[in-house]
């Protein structure tokens, strides 16, 4: 599924280009079956959760996430906005910034949210080994397993995204 018309002004063509760019994990300009499956999983999840912006695209065609967005604690926004920064932390941050934490009231709801994000995390190249409560176990940049606490103050009025490696 190659999208080659770069200069199109048609909003649907622009949306298709954004989707291919977002889900084309190997950056070959085409979606493989696995890449398209990742898109469908994320899209269907966004419909069931009401998180229309979970696709990670900016287009008037996609609905914005209805809940308030939580800040990304400990992230450099310059690195978040730099797609060449492929550190696991920033891959996760690019995804997390599109999700509201308004549904997170306890560890179980945090885990449900993180599980709903798992297909998108994996599509971005994050190797998710496990999810428990407000923590994810991933392979870090060196390929080592690491438990990361990604939701701060779960269920409080101060809930927020963070990246806290529990090994340190």
Foldseek 3Di string as FASTA:
>chain_A
DAQDPPPDPPQVSVVVQQLCVLQVQVPPRDADPLSVVLQVLLCVLCVVVVLQCLSLGDGPVTDARPADFFDEPPDDVVLLPDVVNLWLVSQVVSNNRSDHLPQFQWQVSLQVVVVSCVSSSVSNPWAFPDTGRQWTWTQGPVRHTWIWRQWPPTRDPNIHGYTHTPVD
